[in-house]
Amino acid sequence: MTGPDPAVAAARLAVRDVLHEDRIIVAVSGGADSLALLAATIFEAASPRNRRSPHIIGVTVDHGLLLESV
């Protein structure tokens, strides 16, 4: 198999459209989905095909769903 997993490729493609901003904030709860979104954003921002070099900011969000959160 060549290239990334189809789910990884889809996540990367999804974030390409927002990389026209100078600063991008990605809210991360620590779950696999939000970490994958952050990783895809960083990957695409660093890509040679991206003519801009946006500043990526990861912000931790605690939804308070677990007892350990309070």
PDB file of N, CA and C in Angstrom:
ATOM      1  N   MET A   1       0.846  -1.180   0.000  1.00  0.00           N
ATOM      2  CA  MET A   1       0.000   0.000   0.000  1.00  0.00           C
ATOM      3  C   MET A   1       0.891   1.243   0.000  1.00  0.00           C
ATOM      4  N   THR A   2       0.519   2.198  -0.769  1.00  0.00           N
ATOM      5  CA  THR A   2       1.286   3.432  -0.837  1.00  0.00           C
ATOM      6  C   THR A   2       0.410   4.596  -0.364  1.00  0.00           C
ATOM      7  N   GLY A   3       1.037   5.570   0.271  1.00  0.00           N
ATOM      8  CA  GLY A   3       0.295   6.728   0.764  1.00  0.00           C
ATOM      9  C   GLY A   3      -0.311   6.460   2.134  1.00  0.00           C
ATOM     10  N   PRO A   4      -0.905   7.504   2.699  1.00  0.00           N
ATOM     11  CA  PRO A   4      -1.468   7.363   4.045  1.00  0.00           C
ATOM     12  C   PRO A   4      -2.773   6.561   4.038  1.00  0.00           C
ATOM     13  N   ASP A   5      -3.172   6.126   5.197  1.00  0.00           N
ATOM     14  CA  ASP A   5      -4.467   5.479   5.389  1.00  0.00           C
ATOM     15  C   ASP A   5      -5.556   6.409   4.849  1.00  0.00           C
ATOM     16  N   PRO A   6      -6.625   5.880   4.273  1.00  0.00           N
ATOM     17  CA  PRO A   6      -7.684   6.739   3.730  1.00  0.00           C
ATOM     18  C   PRO A   6      -8.275   7.723   4.746  1.00  0.00           C
ATOM     19  N   ALA A   7      -8.385   7.334   6.000  1.00  0.00           N
ATOM     20  CA  ALA A   7      -8.912   8.251   7.023  1.00  0.00           C
ATOM     21  C   ALA A   7      -7.946   9.406   7.262  1.00  0.00           C
ATOM     22  N   VAL A   8      -6.656   9.124   7.261  1.00  0.00           N
ATOM     23  CA  VAL A   8      -5.641  10.170   7.436  1.00  0.00           C
ATOM     24  C   VAL A   8      -5.677  11.116   6.238  1.00  0.00           C
ATOM     25  N   ALA A   9      -5.749  10.548   5.035  1.00  0.00           N
ATOM     26  CA  ALA A   9      -5.813  11.375   3.827  1.00  0.00           C
ATOM     27  C   ALA A   9      -7.049  12.268   3.838  1.00  0.00           C
ATOM     28  N   ALA A  10      -8.189  11.743   4.294  1.00  0.00           N
ATOM     29  CA  ALA A  10      -9.419  12.530   4.351  1.00  0.00           C
ATOM     30  C   ALA A  10      -9.301  13.678   5.349  1.00  0.00           C
ATOM     31  N   ALA A  11      -8.687  13.422   6.491  1.00  0.00           N
ATOM     32  CA  ALA A  11      -8.499  14.482   7.499  1.00  0.00           C
ATOM     33  C   ALA A  11      -7.586  15.576   6.965  1.00  0.00           C
ATOM     34  N   ARG A  12      -6.516  15.191   6.305  1.00  0.00           N
ATOM     35  CA  ARG A  12      -5.589  16.180   5.737  1.00  0.00           C
ATOM     36  C   ARG A  12      -6.280  17.025   4.674  1.00  0.00           C
ATOM     37  N   LEU A  13      -7.052  16.374   3.832  1.00  0.00           N
ATOM     38  CA  LEU A  13      -7.773  17.095   2.781  1.00  0.00           C
ATOM     39  C   LEU A  13      -8.782  18.074   3.384  1.00  0.00           C
ATOM     40  N   ALA A  14      -9.428  17.670   4.449  1.00  0.00           N
ATOM     41  CA  ALA A  14     -10.443  18.514   5.086  1.00  0.00           C
ATOM     42  C   ALA A  14      -9.855  19.805   5.649  1.00  0.00           C
ATOM     43  N   VAL A  15      -8.633  19.762   6.150  1.00  0.00           N
ATOM     44  CA  VAL A  15      -8.062  20.967   6.755  1.00  0.00           C
ATOM     45  C   VAL A  15      -7.369  21.876   5.736  1.00  0.00           C
ATOM     46  N   ARG A  16      -7.103  21.391   4.543  1.00  0.00           N
ATOM     47  CA  ARG A  16      -6.416  22.218   3.541  1.00  0.00           C
ATOM     48  C   ARG A  16      -7.151  23.509   3.233  1.00  0.00           C
ATOM     49  N   ASP A  17      -8.459  23.460   3.241  1.00  0.00           N
ATOM     50  CA  ASP A  17      -9.258  24.639   2.877  1.00  0.00           C
ATOM     51  C   ASP A  17      -9.181  25.766   3.897  1.00  0.00           C
ATOM     52  N   VAL A  18      -8.799  25.490   5.135  1.00  0.00           N
ATOM     53  CA  VAL A  18      -8.734  26.552   6.147  1.00  0.00           C
ATOM     54  C   VAL A  18      -7.323  27.097   6.325  1.00  0.00           C
ATOM     55  N   LEU A  19      -6.381  26.565   5.594  1.00  0.00           N
ATOM     56  CA  LEU A  19      -4.991  26.977   5.786  1.00  0.00           C
ATOM     57  C   LEU A  19      -4.656  28.313   5.134  1.00  0.00           C
ATOM     58  N   HIS A  20      -5.651  29.050   4.689  1.00  0.00           N
ATOM     59  CA  HIS A  20      -5.398  30.369   4.118  1.00  0.00           C
ATOM     60  C   HIS A  20      -5.311  31.444   5.199  1.00  0.00           C
ATOM     61  N   GLU A  21      -5.623  31.090   6.433  1.00  0.00           N
ATOM     62  CA  GLU A  21      -5.541  32.038   7.547  1.00  0.00           C
ATOM     63  C   GLU A  21      -4.104  32.120   8.057  1.00  0.00           C
ATOM     64  N   ASP A  22      -3.752  33.243   8.703  1.00  0.00           N
ATOM     65  CA  ASP A  22      -2.408  33.400   9.263  1.00  0.00           C
ATOM     66  C   ASP A  22      -2.244  32.652  10.580  1.00  0.00           C
ATOM     67  N   ARG A  23      -3.335  32.510  11.303  1.00  0.00           N
ATOM     68  CA  ARG A  23      -3.305  31.836  12.599  1.00  0.00           C
ATOM     69  C   ARG A  23      -4.502  30.902  12.671  1.00  0.00           C
ATOM     70  N   ILE A  24      -4.242  29.657  13.047  1.00  0.00           N
ATOM     71  CA  ILE A  24      -5.294  28.650  13.148  1.00  0.00           C
ATOM     72  C   ILE A  24      -5.263  28.061  14.547  1.00  0.00           C
ATOM     73  N   ILE A  25      -6.407  28.083  15.212  1.00  0.00           N
ATOM     74  CA  ILE A  25      -6.522  27.523  16.548  1.00  0.00           C
ATOM     75  C   ILE A  25      -7.290  26.218  16.451  1.00  0.00           C
ATOM     76  N   VAL A  26      -6.713  25.154  17.007  1.00  0.00           N
ATOM     77  CA  VAL A  26      -7.353  23.846  17.011  1.00  0.00           C
ATOM     78  C   VAL A  26      -7.616  23.467  18.458  1.00  0.00           C
ATOM     79  N   ALA A  27      -8.883  23.278  18.800  1.00  0.00           N
ATOM     80  CA  ALA A  27      -9.262  22.866  20.153  1.00  0.00           C
ATOM     81  C   ALA A  27      -9.062  21.363  20.277  1.00  0.00           C
ATOM     82  N   VAL A  28      -8.355  20.956  21.321  1.00  0.00           N
ATOM     83  CA  VAL A  28      -7.998  19.556  21.516  1.00  0.00           C
ATOM     84  C   VAL A  28      -8.472  19.100  22.880  1.00  0.00           C
ATOM     85  N   SER A  29      -9.282  18.037  22.903  1.00  0.00           N
ATOM     86  CA  SER A  29      -9.764  17.505  24.178  1.00  0.00           C
ATOM     87  C   SER A  29      -8.872  16.373  24.676  1.00  0.00           C
ATOM     88  N   GLY A  30      -8.030  15.876  23.823  1.00  0.00           N
ATOM     89  CA  GLY A  30      -7.161  14.764  24.197  1.00  0.00           C
ATOM     90  C   GLY A  30      -7.625  13.454  23.597  1.00  0.00           C
ATOM     91  N   GLY A  31      -8.822  13.464  23.001  1.00  0.00           N
ATOM     92  CA  GLY A  31      -9.333  12.270  22.336  1.00  0.00           C
ATOM     93  C   GLY A  31      -8.627  12.050  21.010  1.00  0.00           C
ATOM     94  N   ALA A  32      -8.786  10.853  20.500  1.00  0.00           N
ATOM     95  CA  ALA A  32      -8.115  10.485  19.254  1.00  0.00           C
ATOM     96  C   ALA A  32      -8.545  11.364  18.084  1.00  0.00           C
ATOM     97  N   ASP A  33      -9.827  11.730  18.039  1.00  0.00           N
ATOM     98  CA  ASP A  33     -10.302  12.522  16.900  1.00  0.00           C
ATOM     99  C   ASP A  33      -9.726  13.928  16.895  1.00  0.00           C
ATOM    100  N   SER A  34      -9.668  14.575  18.067  1.00  0.00           N
ATOM    101  CA  SER A  34      -9.132  15.938  18.087  1.00  0.00           C
ATOM    102  C   SER A  34      -7.621  15.951  17.898  1.00  0.00           C
ATOM    103  N   LEU A  35      -6.939  14.938  18.410  1.00  0.00           N
ATOM    104  CA  LEU A  35      -5.491  14.858  18.188  1.00  0.00           C
ATOM    105  C   LEU A  35      -5.181  14.582  16.723  1.00  0.00           C
ATOM    106  N   ALA A  36      -6.022  13.786  16.064  1.00  0.00           N
ATOM    107  CA  ALA A  36      -5.844  13.532  14.633  1.00  0.00           C
ATOM    108  C   ALA A  36      -6.061  14.817  13.833  1.00  0.00           C
ATOM    109  N   LEU A  37      -7.038  15.609  14.239  1.00  0.00           N
ATOM    110  CA  LEU A  37      -7.280  16.890  13.568  1.00  0.00           C
ATOM    111  C   LEU A  37      -6.079  17.818  13.726  1.00  0.00           C
ATOM    112  N   LEU A  38      -5.520  17.883  14.923  1.00  0.00           N
ATOM    113  CA  LEU A  38      -4.348  18.719  15.152  1.00  0.00           C
ATOM    114  C   LEU A  38      -3.158  18.230  14.328  1.00  0.00           C
ATOM    115  N   ALA A  39      -2.949  16.921  14.312  1.00  0.00           N
ATOM    116  CA  ALA A  39      -1.834  16.353  13.541  1.00  0.00           C
ATOM    117  C   ALA A  39      -1.999  16.636  12.046  1.00  0.00           C
ATOM    118  N   ALA A  40      -3.218  16.491  11.524  1.00  0.00           N
ATOM    119  CA  ALA A  40      -3.467  16.763  10.104  1.00  0.00           C
ATOM    120  C   ALA A  40      -3.235  18.235   9.786  1.00  0.00           C
ATOM    121  N   THR A  41      -3.635  19.116  10.695  1.00  0.00           N
ATOM    122  CA  THR A  41      -3.444  20.554  10.485  1.00  0.00           C
ATOM    123  C   THR A  41      -1.970  20.911  10.456  1.00  0.00           C
ATOM    124  N   ILE A  42      -1.216  20.377  11.386  1.00  0.00           N
ATOM    125  CA  ILE A  42       0.227  20.634  11.423  1.00  0.00           C
ATOM    126  C   ILE A  42       0.911  20.076  10.175  1.00  0.00           C
ATOM    127  N   PHE A  43       0.533  18.871   9.783  1.00  0.00           N
ATOM    128  CA  PHE A  43       1.119  18.248   8.589  1.00  0.00           C
ATOM    129  C   PHE A  43       0.874  19.104   7.356  1.00  0.00           C
ATOM    130  N   GLU A  44      -0.367  19.519   7.148  1.00  0.00           N
ATOM    131  CA  GLU A  44      -0.705  20.308   5.966  1.00  0.00           C
ATOM    132  C   GLU A  44      -0.084  21.701   6.011  1.00  0.00           C
ATOM    133  N   ALA A  45       0.011  22.288   7.186  1.00  0.00           N
ATOM    134  CA  ALA A  45       0.626  23.613   7.297  1.00  0.00           C
ATOM    135  C   ALA A  45       2.096  23.567   6.915  1.00  0.00           C
ATOM    136  N   ALA A  46       2.752  22.453   7.196  1.00  0.00           N
ATOM    137  CA  ALA A  46       4.175  22.313   6.900  1.00  0.00           C
ATOM    138  C   ALA A  46       4.438  21.808   5.483  1.00  0.00           C
ATOM    139  N   SER A  47       3.389  21.470   4.753  1.00  0.00           N
ATOM    140  CA  SER A  47       3.539  20.918   3.418  1.00  0.00           C
ATOM    141  C   SER A  47       4.143  21.948   2.464  1.00  0.00           C
ATOM    142  N   PRO A  48       5.053  21.508   1.588  1.00  0.00           N
ATOM    143  CA  PRO A  48       5.643  22.426   0.601  1.00  0.00           C
ATOM    144  C   PRO A  48       4.599  23.037  -0.342  1.00  0.00           C
ATOM    145  N   ARG A  49       3.478  22.361  -0.544  1.00  0.00           N
ATOM    146  CA  ARG A  49       2.442  22.898  -1.438  1.00  0.00           C
ATOM    147  C   ARG A  49       1.661  24.044  -0.790  1.00  0.00           C
ATOM    148  N   ASN A  50       1.805  24.206   0.524  1.00  0.00           N
ATOM    149  CA  ASN A  50       1.131  25.289   1.229  1.00  0.00           C
ATOM    150  C   ASN A  50       2.017  26.531   1.133  1.00  0.00           C
ATOM    151  N   ARG A  51       1.580  27.514   0.384  1.00  0.00           N
ATOM    152  CA  ARG A  51       2.405  28.708   0.156  1.00  0.00           C
ATOM    153  C   ARG A  51       2.480  29.597   1.382  1.00  0.00           C
ATOM    154  N   ARG A  52       1.492  29.523   2.233  1.00  0.00           N
ATOM    155  CA  ARG A  52       1.507  30.303   3.477  1.00  0.00           C
ATOM    156  C   ARG A  52       2.100  29.426   4.569  1.00  0.00           C
ATOM    157  N   SER A  53       2.484  30.039   5.623  1.00  0.00           N
ATOM    158  CA  SER A  53       3.005  29.294   6.762  1.00  0.00           C
ATOM    159  C   SER A  53       2.216  29.721   7.993  1.00  0.00           C
ATOM    160  N   PRO A  54       1.014  29.186   8.151  1.00  0.00           N
ATOM    161  CA  PRO A  54       0.183  29.630   9.268  1.00  0.00           C
ATOM    162  C   PRO A  54       0.750  29.208  10.615  1.00  0.00           C
ATOM    163  N   HIS A  55       0.443  29.985  11.602  1.00  0.00           N
ATOM    164  CA  HIS A  55       0.823  29.685  12.977  1.00  0.00           C
ATOM    165  C   HIS A  55      -0.284  28.813  13.559  1.00  0.00           C
ATOM    166  N   ILE A  56       0.061  27.604  13.965  1.00  0.00           N
ATOM    167  CA  ILE A  56      -0.919  26.659  14.494  1.00  0.00           C
ATOM    168  C   ILE A  56      -0.876  26.708  16.017  1.00  0.00           C
ATOM    169  N   ILE A  57      -2.036  26.874  16.631  1.00  0.00           N
ATOM    170  CA  ILE A  57      -2.145  26.915  18.089  1.00  0.00           C
ATOM    171  C   ILE A  57      -3.080  25.793  18.526  1.00  0.00           C
ATOM    172  N   GLY A  58      -2.593  24.921  19.382  1.00  0.00           N
ATOM    173  CA  GLY A  58      -3.420  23.866  19.966  1.00  0.00           C
ATOM    174  C   GLY A  58      -3.893  24.322  21.342  1.00  0.00           C
ATOM    175  N   VAL A  59      -5.205  24.289  21.549  1.00  0.00           N
ATOM    176  CA  VAL A  59      -5.798  24.730  22.812  1.00  0.00           C
ATOM    177  C   VAL A  59      -6.481  23.536  23.454  1.00  0.00           C
ATOM    178  N   THR A  60      -6.127  23.254  24.690  1.00  0.00           N
ATOM    179  CA  THR A  60      -6.737  22.144  25.403  1.00  0.00           C
ATOM    180  C   THR A  60      -8.107  22.540  25.934  1.00  0.00           C
ATOM    181  N   VAL A  61      -9.089  21.697  25.661  1.00  0.00           N
ATOM    182  CA  VAL A  61     -10.461  21.926  26.113  1.00  0.00           C
ATOM    183  C   VAL A  61     -10.877  20.750  26.978  1.00  0.00           C
ATOM    184  N   ASP A  62     -11.318  21.032  28.187  1.00  0.00           N
ATOM    185  CA  ASP A  62     -11.828  19.994  29.084  1.00  0.00           C
ATOM    186  C   ASP A  62     -13.349  20.111  29.088  1.00  0.00           C
ATOM    187  N   HIS A  63     -14.002  19.111  28.548  1.00  0.00           N
ATOM    188  CA  HIS A  63     -15.460  19.138  28.456  1.00  0.00           C
ATOM    189  C   HIS A  63     -16.141  18.858  29.802  1.00  0.00           C
ATOM    190  N   GLY A  64     -15.373  18.408  30.786  1.00  0.00           N
ATOM    191  CA  GLY A  64     -15.923  18.120  32.103  1.00  0.00           C
ATOM    192  C   GLY A  64     -16.811  16.891  32.140  1.00  0.00           C
ATOM    193  N   LEU A  65     -16.595  15.952  31.244  1.00  0.00           N
ATOM    194  CA  LEU A  65     -17.440  14.755  31.165  1.00  0.00           C
ATOM    195  C   LEU A  65     -16.998  13.651  32.118  1.00  0.00           C
ATOM    196  N   LEU A  66     -15.766  13.698  32.595  1.00  0.00           N
ATOM    197  CA  LEU A  66     -15.248  12.678  33.487  1.00  0.00           C
ATOM    198  C   LEU A  66     -15.136  13.223  34.907  1.00  0.00           C
ATOM    199  N   LEU A  67     -15.269  12.338  35.879  1.00  0.00           N
ATOM    200  CA  LEU A  67     -15.138  12.764  37.274  1.00  0.00           C
ATOM    201  C   LEU A  67     -13.769  13.399  37.536  1.00  0.00           C
ATOM    202  N   GLU A  68     -12.755  12.902  36.849  1.00  0.00           N
ATOM    203  CA  GLU A  68     -11.401  13.441  37.017  1.00  0.00           C
ATOM    204  C   GLU A  68     -11.276  14.864  36.495  1.00  0.00           C
ATOM    205  N   SER A  69     -12.253  15.329  35.734  1.00  0.00           N
ATOM    206  CA  SER A  69     -12.188  16.655  35.117  1.00  0.00           C
ATOM    207  C   SER A  69     -12.481  17.783  36.095  1.00  0.00           C
ATOM    208  N   VAL A  70     -13.212  17.487  37.138  1.00  0.00           N
ATOM    209  CA  VAL A  70     -13.632  18.556  38.052  1.00  0.00           C
ATOM    210  C   VAL A  70     -12.615  18.852  39.120  1.00  0.00           C
TER     211      VAL A  70
END
